[in-house]
Structures are given as structure tokens and as C-alpha cells.
Amino acid sequence: MIPVLGLVVGVAVGLVLQPEVPVALQPYLPIAIVAALDAVVGALRAVGEKRFDDRVFVVSFVSNVLIAAFIVFLGDQLGVGSQLSTGVLVVLGIRIFANAAAIRRRVFHA
């Protein structure tokens, strides 16, 4: 429940404060959001399987965001930023849908 609560609070604070993202960081924001969502959906799966660990969640959350941002940064430096961004989004999307499918199977027994 903590990951969902954190997500809701974060979205609410973002909507109220409407922070401006510096232009230099704008290419990394979508990747960071998807990486964070991957960690949250993984945490929801772990909660459903009764194996949630808050330390694992925090490390997963931070490391997903940092690694994804680093891969996009590296792609920008090599001149292939959009291709690596797409690759990161595909991989994280697959993980999100796999975790969502596991949650669905557990909840609906289907």
C-alpha cells in the first residue's frame, strides 16, 4: 500500500506545484517515470505475493531510475539517444506488463 500511496501523493504534489523541468533534463523525464512505474508495479506484485520488502523497493526504485537515465544519457552522448530511449521503454514496458499479468492472475485466478 505504501508504493500506491507514494505514487498518489507524488502525482498530487506535482499537479498542485506544477514544477518546471529544465530543458536539459526533459529527455530523461519520461524514461524516469516509466522506470519508477516499473518499480511500483513490481512492489504491488510483491505485496500480493506477501514478499514485499521496503528496502528492496527503495533500491529498485532508485536504481531503475538511475540506470534508465544513464542509458539514455549514454545514448545521447553516442548520438543514438532516441534508439536507446525506445529500447529502455520497451524493456520496462515488458516488465510492467509481466508484473501486471501476474497481479491479474493472482487477483482473478485467471
N, C-alpha and C. Protein backbone atom coordinates (compact mmCIF):
# COMPACT_ATOMS: atom_id res chain seq x y z
N MET A 1 0.82 -1.19 0.00
CA MET A 1 0.00 0.00 0.00
C MET A 1 0.86 1.26 0.00
N ILE A 2 2.04 1.15 0.58
CA ILE A 2 2.94 2.31 0.64
C ILE A 2 3.32 2.79 -0.75
N PRO A 3 3.66 1.89 -1.71
CA PRO A 3 4.00 2.38 -3.05
C PRO A 3 2.85 3.13 -3.71
N VAL A 4 1.64 2.62 -3.56
CA VAL A 4 0.49 3.28 -4.18
C VAL A 4 0.25 4.64 -3.52
N LEU A 5 0.35 4.69 -2.21
CA LEU A 5 0.18 5.95 -1.50
C LEU A 5 1.23 6.97 -1.93
N GLY A 6 2.49 6.51 -2.04
CA GLY A 6 3.56 7.40 -2.50
C GLY A 6 3.31 7.91 -3.91
N LEU A 7 2.82 7.05 -4.78
CA LEU A 7 2.51 7.46 -6.15
C LEU A 7 1.40 8.50 -6.17
N VAL A 8 0.34 8.27 -5.40
CA VAL A 8 -0.78 9.21 -5.35
C VAL A 8 -0.33 10.56 -4.79
N VAL A 9 0.43 10.53 -3.71
CA VAL A 9 0.92 11.78 -3.11
C VAL A 9 1.84 12.51 -4.09
N GLY A 10 2.72 11.78 -4.76
CA GLY A 10 3.63 12.39 -5.72
C GLY A 10 2.90 13.04 -6.88
N VAL A 11 1.89 12.37 -7.40
CA VAL A 11 1.11 12.93 -8.50
C VAL A 11 0.35 14.17 -8.02
N ALA A 12 -0.23 14.10 -6.83
CA ALA A 12 -0.98 15.24 -6.30
C ALA A 12 -0.08 16.45 -6.10
N VAL A 13 1.10 16.23 -5.52
CA VAL A 13 2.05 17.33 -5.30
C VAL A 13 2.48 17.93 -6.64
N GLY A 14 2.72 17.07 -7.63
CA GLY A 14 3.11 17.55 -8.95
C GLY A 14 2.02 18.37 -9.61
N LEU A 15 0.77 17.95 -9.44
CA LEU A 15 -0.34 18.70 -10.03
C LEU A 15 -0.54 20.05 -9.35
N VAL A 16 -0.34 20.09 -8.04
CA VAL A 16 -0.54 21.33 -7.29
C VAL A 16 0.60 22.31 -7.55
N LEU A 17 1.85 21.83 -7.45
CA LEU A 17 3.00 22.72 -7.58
C LEU A 17 3.39 23.00 -9.04
N GLN A 18 3.04 22.12 -9.96
CA GLN A 18 3.37 22.24 -11.37
C GLN A 18 4.83 22.68 -11.58
N PRO A 19 5.75 21.82 -11.18
CA PRO A 19 7.17 22.20 -11.32
C PRO A 19 7.58 22.22 -12.78
N GLU A 20 8.56 23.08 -13.09
CA GLU A 20 9.08 23.16 -14.45
C GLU A 20 10.36 22.33 -14.52
N VAL A 21 10.42 21.47 -15.51
CA VAL A 21 11.59 20.63 -15.70
C VAL A 21 12.57 21.38 -16.60
N PRO A 22 13.83 21.50 -16.19
CA PRO A 22 14.82 22.17 -17.04
C PRO A 22 14.92 21.48 -18.40
N VAL A 23 15.16 22.25 -19.43
CA VAL A 23 15.22 21.74 -20.80
C VAL A 23 16.24 20.61 -20.92
N ALA A 24 17.36 20.70 -20.23
CA ALA A 24 18.41 19.68 -20.33
C ALA A 24 17.95 18.34 -19.76
N LEU A 25 16.98 18.36 -18.84
CA LEU A 25 16.52 17.12 -18.22
C LEU A 25 15.25 16.56 -18.85
N GLN A 26 14.63 17.30 -19.76
CA GLN A 26 13.36 16.86 -20.34
C GLN A 26 13.43 15.53 -21.06
N PRO A 27 14.51 15.17 -21.77
CA PRO A 27 14.53 13.85 -22.43
C PRO A 27 14.54 12.69 -21.44
N TYR A 28 14.97 12.94 -20.21
CA TYR A 28 15.10 11.88 -19.22
C TYR A 28 13.83 11.67 -18.39
N LEU A 29 12.95 12.64 -18.36
CA LEU A 29 11.76 12.56 -17.51
C LEU A 29 10.83 11.40 -17.88
N PRO A 30 10.47 11.21 -19.15
CA PRO A 30 9.58 10.07 -19.46
C PRO A 30 10.20 8.73 -19.09
N ILE A 31 11.50 8.59 -19.33
CA ILE A 31 12.18 7.34 -19.00
C ILE A 31 12.17 7.13 -17.49
N ALA A 32 12.43 8.18 -16.74
CA ALA A 32 12.44 8.08 -15.28
C ALA A 32 11.06 7.71 -14.75
N ILE A 33 10.01 8.25 -15.34
CA ILE A 33 8.65 7.95 -14.90
C ILE A 33 8.32 6.48 -15.16
N VAL A 34 8.66 5.99 -16.35
CA VAL A 34 8.38 4.59 -16.67
C VAL A 34 9.21 3.66 -15.78
N ALA A 35 10.46 4.02 -15.51
CA ALA A 35 11.29 3.21 -14.62
C ALA A 35 10.71 3.18 -13.21
N ALA A 36 10.22 4.32 -12.75
CA ALA A 36 9.59 4.37 -11.43
C ALA A 36 8.31 3.55 -11.40
N LEU A 37 7.51 3.61 -12.47
CA LEU A 37 6.29 2.81 -12.54
C LEU A 37 6.61 1.31 -12.52
N ASP A 38 7.71 0.94 -13.16
CA ASP A 38 8.13 -0.47 -13.12
C ASP A 38 8.38 -0.91 -11.69
N ALA A 39 9.07 -0.08 -10.93
CA ALA A 39 9.34 -0.42 -9.53
C ALA A 39 8.04 -0.49 -8.72
N VAL A 40 7.11 0.42 -8.96
CA VAL A 40 5.85 0.44 -8.21
C VAL A 40 5.01 -0.79 -8.54
N VAL A 41 4.91 -1.14 -9.83
CA VAL A 41 4.12 -2.32 -10.20
C VAL A 41 4.78 -3.59 -9.65
N GLY A 42 6.11 -3.63 -9.68
CA GLY A 42 6.82 -4.76 -9.06
C GLY A 42 6.55 -4.86 -7.58
N ALA A 43 6.47 -3.71 -6.92
CA ALA A 43 6.17 -3.70 -5.48
C ALA A 43 4.74 -4.17 -5.22
N LEU A 44 3.81 -3.78 -6.07
CA LEU A 44 2.43 -4.24 -5.91
C LEU A 44 2.35 -5.76 -6.07
N ARG A 45 3.11 -6.28 -7.02
CA ARG A 45 3.15 -7.74 -7.19
C ARG A 45 3.72 -8.40 -5.93
N ALA A 46 4.80 -7.83 -5.41
CA ALA A 46 5.42 -8.39 -4.21
C ALA A 46 4.46 -8.34 -3.02
N VAL A 47 3.69 -7.28 -2.91
CA VAL A 47 2.71 -7.19 -1.83
C VAL A 47 1.68 -8.30 -1.98
N GLY A 48 1.21 -8.52 -3.21
CA GLY A 48 0.23 -9.58 -3.44
C GLY A 48 0.78 -10.96 -3.15
N GLU A 49 2.08 -11.15 -3.34
CA GLU A 49 2.71 -12.43 -3.08
C GLU A 49 3.25 -12.53 -1.64
N LYS A 50 2.97 -11.51 -0.86
CA LYS A 50 3.39 -11.43 0.56
C LYS A 50 4.90 -11.57 0.72
N ARG A 51 5.64 -10.92 -0.16
CA ARG A 51 7.09 -10.93 -0.06
C ARG A 51 7.68 -9.52 -0.25
N PHE A 52 6.86 -8.50 0.04
CA PHE A 52 7.30 -7.12 -0.11
C PHE A 52 8.34 -6.78 0.95
N ASP A 53 9.40 -6.12 0.50
CA ASP A 53 10.45 -5.64 1.40
C ASP A 53 10.70 -4.18 1.04
N ASP A 54 10.55 -3.29 2.01
CA ASP A 54 10.68 -1.87 1.72
C ASP A 54 12.07 -1.49 1.23
N ARG A 55 13.09 -2.15 1.73
CA ARG A 55 14.46 -1.85 1.26
C ARG A 55 14.63 -2.23 -0.19
N VAL A 56 14.12 -3.38 -0.54
CA VAL A 56 14.20 -3.83 -1.94
C VAL A 56 13.45 -2.85 -2.83
N PHE A 57 12.29 -2.38 -2.38
CA PHE A 57 11.52 -1.42 -3.17
C PHE A 57 12.30 -0.13 -3.39
N VAL A 58 12.86 0.42 -2.33
CA VAL A 58 13.59 1.69 -2.46
C VAL A 58 14.81 1.53 -3.38
N VAL A 59 15.56 0.44 -3.18
CA VAL A 59 16.73 0.21 -4.03
C VAL A 59 16.30 0.00 -5.47
N SER A 60 15.24 -0.76 -5.69
CA SER A 60 14.74 -1.00 -7.05
C SER A 60 14.28 0.30 -7.68
N PHE A 61 13.55 1.10 -6.94
CA PHE A 61 13.03 2.37 -7.44
C PHE A 61 14.18 3.28 -7.88
N VAL A 62 15.12 3.51 -6.98
CA VAL A 62 16.23 4.43 -7.27
C VAL A 62 17.12 3.87 -8.37
N SER A 63 17.46 2.60 -8.29
CA SER A 63 18.37 2.04 -9.30
C SER A 63 17.71 1.99 -10.67
N ASN A 64 16.42 1.66 -10.75
CA ASN A 64 15.73 1.68 -12.05
C ASN A 64 15.82 3.06 -12.69
N VAL A 65 15.52 4.07 -11.92
CA VAL A 65 15.53 5.44 -12.46
C VAL A 65 16.94 5.84 -12.88
N LEU A 66 17.92 5.58 -12.04
CA LEU A 66 19.29 5.99 -12.36
C LEU A 66 19.86 5.22 -13.55
N ILE A 67 19.63 3.92 -13.61
CA ILE A 67 20.15 3.13 -14.72
C ILE A 67 19.48 3.53 -16.02
N ALA A 68 18.17 3.69 -16.01
CA ALA A 68 17.46 4.09 -17.22
C ALA A 68 17.93 5.47 -17.70
N ALA A 69 18.08 6.41 -16.77
CA ALA A 69 18.56 7.74 -17.14
C ALA A 69 19.99 7.68 -17.68
N PHE A 70 20.82 6.85 -17.08
CA PHE A 70 22.20 6.71 -17.55
C PHE A 70 22.24 6.13 -18.96
N ILE A 71 21.41 5.14 -19.23
CA ILE A 71 21.39 4.55 -20.58
C ILE A 71 20.96 5.59 -21.61
N VAL A 72 19.97 6.39 -21.29
CA VAL A 72 19.53 7.44 -22.22
C VAL A 72 20.62 8.49 -22.37
N PHE A 73 21.28 8.87 -21.28
CA PHE A 73 22.39 9.83 -21.34
C PHE A 73 23.50 9.29 -22.23
N LEU A 74 23.84 8.03 -22.03
CA LEU A 74 24.88 7.41 -22.84
C LEU A 74 24.49 7.40 -24.32
N GLY A 75 23.23 7.10 -24.59
CA GLY A 75 22.74 7.14 -25.97
C GLY A 75 22.83 8.53 -26.56
N ASP A 76 22.52 9.56 -25.77
CA ASP A 76 22.65 10.94 -26.25
C ASP A 76 24.10 11.27 -26.57
N GLN A 77 25.02 10.81 -25.74
CA GLN A 77 26.44 11.07 -25.98
C GLN A 77 26.94 10.35 -27.23
N LEU A 78 26.38 9.18 -27.52
CA LEU A 78 26.79 8.42 -28.69
C LEU A 78 26.02 8.81 -29.94
N GLY A 79 25.00 9.66 -29.78
CA GLY A 79 24.22 10.11 -30.93
C GLY A 79 23.08 9.17 -31.29
N VAL A 80 22.75 8.25 -30.42
CA VAL A 80 21.66 7.31 -30.67
C VAL A 80 20.65 7.34 -29.52
N GLY A 81 20.43 8.52 -28.98
CA GLY A 81 19.58 8.66 -27.80
C GLY A 81 18.17 8.15 -27.99
N SER A 82 17.56 8.43 -29.16
CA SER A 82 16.17 8.00 -29.35
C SER A 82 16.07 6.49 -29.45
N GLN A 83 17.07 5.84 -30.05
CA GLN A 83 17.02 4.38 -30.16
C GLN A 83 17.17 3.73 -28.79
N LEU A 84 18.09 4.23 -27.98
CA LEU A 84 18.25 3.66 -26.65
C LEU A 84 17.06 3.99 -25.76
N SER A 85 16.48 5.16 -25.93
CA SER A 85 15.26 5.50 -25.17
C SER A 85 14.15 4.53 -25.50
N THR A 86 13.99 4.24 -26.79
CA THR A 86 12.97 3.28 -27.20
C THR A 86 13.25 1.90 -26.62
N GLY A 87 14.50 1.49 -26.64
CA GLY A 87 14.87 0.19 -26.06
C GLY A 87 14.55 0.11 -24.59
N VAL A 88 14.88 1.17 -23.86
CA VAL A 88 14.60 1.20 -22.42
C VAL A 88 13.10 1.14 -22.17
N LEU A 89 12.33 1.90 -22.95
CA LEU A 89 10.87 1.89 -22.78
C LEU A 89 10.28 0.52 -23.09
N VAL A 90 10.79 -0.15 -24.11
CA VAL A 90 10.29 -1.48 -24.46
C VAL A 90 10.57 -2.46 -23.33
N VAL A 91 11.80 -2.47 -22.84
CA VAL A 91 12.17 -3.41 -21.77
C VAL A 91 11.34 -3.14 -20.51
N LEU A 92 11.25 -1.89 -20.11
CA LEU A 92 10.48 -1.57 -18.90
C LEU A 92 8.99 -1.85 -19.12
N GLY A 93 8.50 -1.58 -20.32
CA GLY A 93 7.10 -1.88 -20.63
C GLY A 93 6.81 -3.37 -20.52
N ILE A 94 7.72 -4.19 -21.01
CA ILE A 94 7.55 -5.64 -20.90
C ILE A 94 7.50 -6.06 -19.44
N ARG A 95 8.39 -5.49 -18.63
CA ARG A 95 8.41 -5.83 -17.19
C ARG A 95 7.11 -5.38 -16.51
N ILE A 96 6.63 -4.19 -16.85
CA ILE A 96 5.40 -3.68 -16.25
C ILE A 96 4.23 -4.60 -16.60
N PHE A 97 4.11 -4.98 -17.88
CA PHE A 97 3.00 -5.84 -18.29
C PHE A 97 3.13 -7.24 -17.71
N ALA A 98 4.34 -7.75 -17.57
CA ALA A 98 4.52 -9.07 -16.96
C ALA A 98 4.09 -9.04 -15.49
N ASN A 99 4.47 -7.99 -14.78
CA ASN A 99 4.04 -7.87 -13.38
C ASN A 99 2.54 -7.66 -13.29
N ALA A 100 1.98 -6.87 -14.20
CA ALA A 100 0.54 -6.65 -14.20
C ALA A 100 -0.21 -7.95 -14.48
N ALA A 101 0.33 -8.76 -15.38
CA ALA A 101 -0.30 -10.05 -15.68
C ALA A 101 -0.24 -10.97 -14.46
N ALA A 102 0.87 -10.96 -13.75
CA ALA A 102 0.98 -11.78 -12.53
C ALA A 102 -0.01 -11.31 -11.47
N ILE A 103 -0.19 -10.01 -11.34
CA ILE A 103 -1.17 -9.46 -10.39
C ILE A 103 -2.57 -9.89 -10.80
N ARG A 104 -2.86 -9.76 -12.08
CA ARG A 104 -4.19 -10.14 -12.59
C ARG A 104 -4.46 -11.62 -12.33
N ARG A 105 -3.47 -12.46 -12.60
CA ARG A 105 -3.66 -13.90 -12.36
C ARG A 105 -3.91 -14.18 -10.88
N ARG A 106 -3.21 -13.48 -10.02
CA ARG A 106 -3.38 -13.71 -8.58
C ARG A 106 -4.75 -13.21 -8.11
N VAL A 107 -5.17 -12.07 -8.60
CA VAL A 107 -6.43 -11.48 -8.13
C VAL A 107 -7.64 -12.21 -8.71
N PHE A 108 -7.61 -12.47 -10.03
CA PHE A 108 -8.77 -13.06 -10.70
C PHE A 108 -8.65 -14.56 -10.93
N HIS A 109 -7.53 -15.14 -10.52
CA HIS A 109 -7.29 -16.57 -10.70
C HIS A 109 -7.50 -17.01 -12.14
N ALA A 110 -7.02 -16.13 -13.05
CA ALA A 110 -7.15 -16.44 -14.49
C ALA A 110 -5.85 -16.18 -15.20
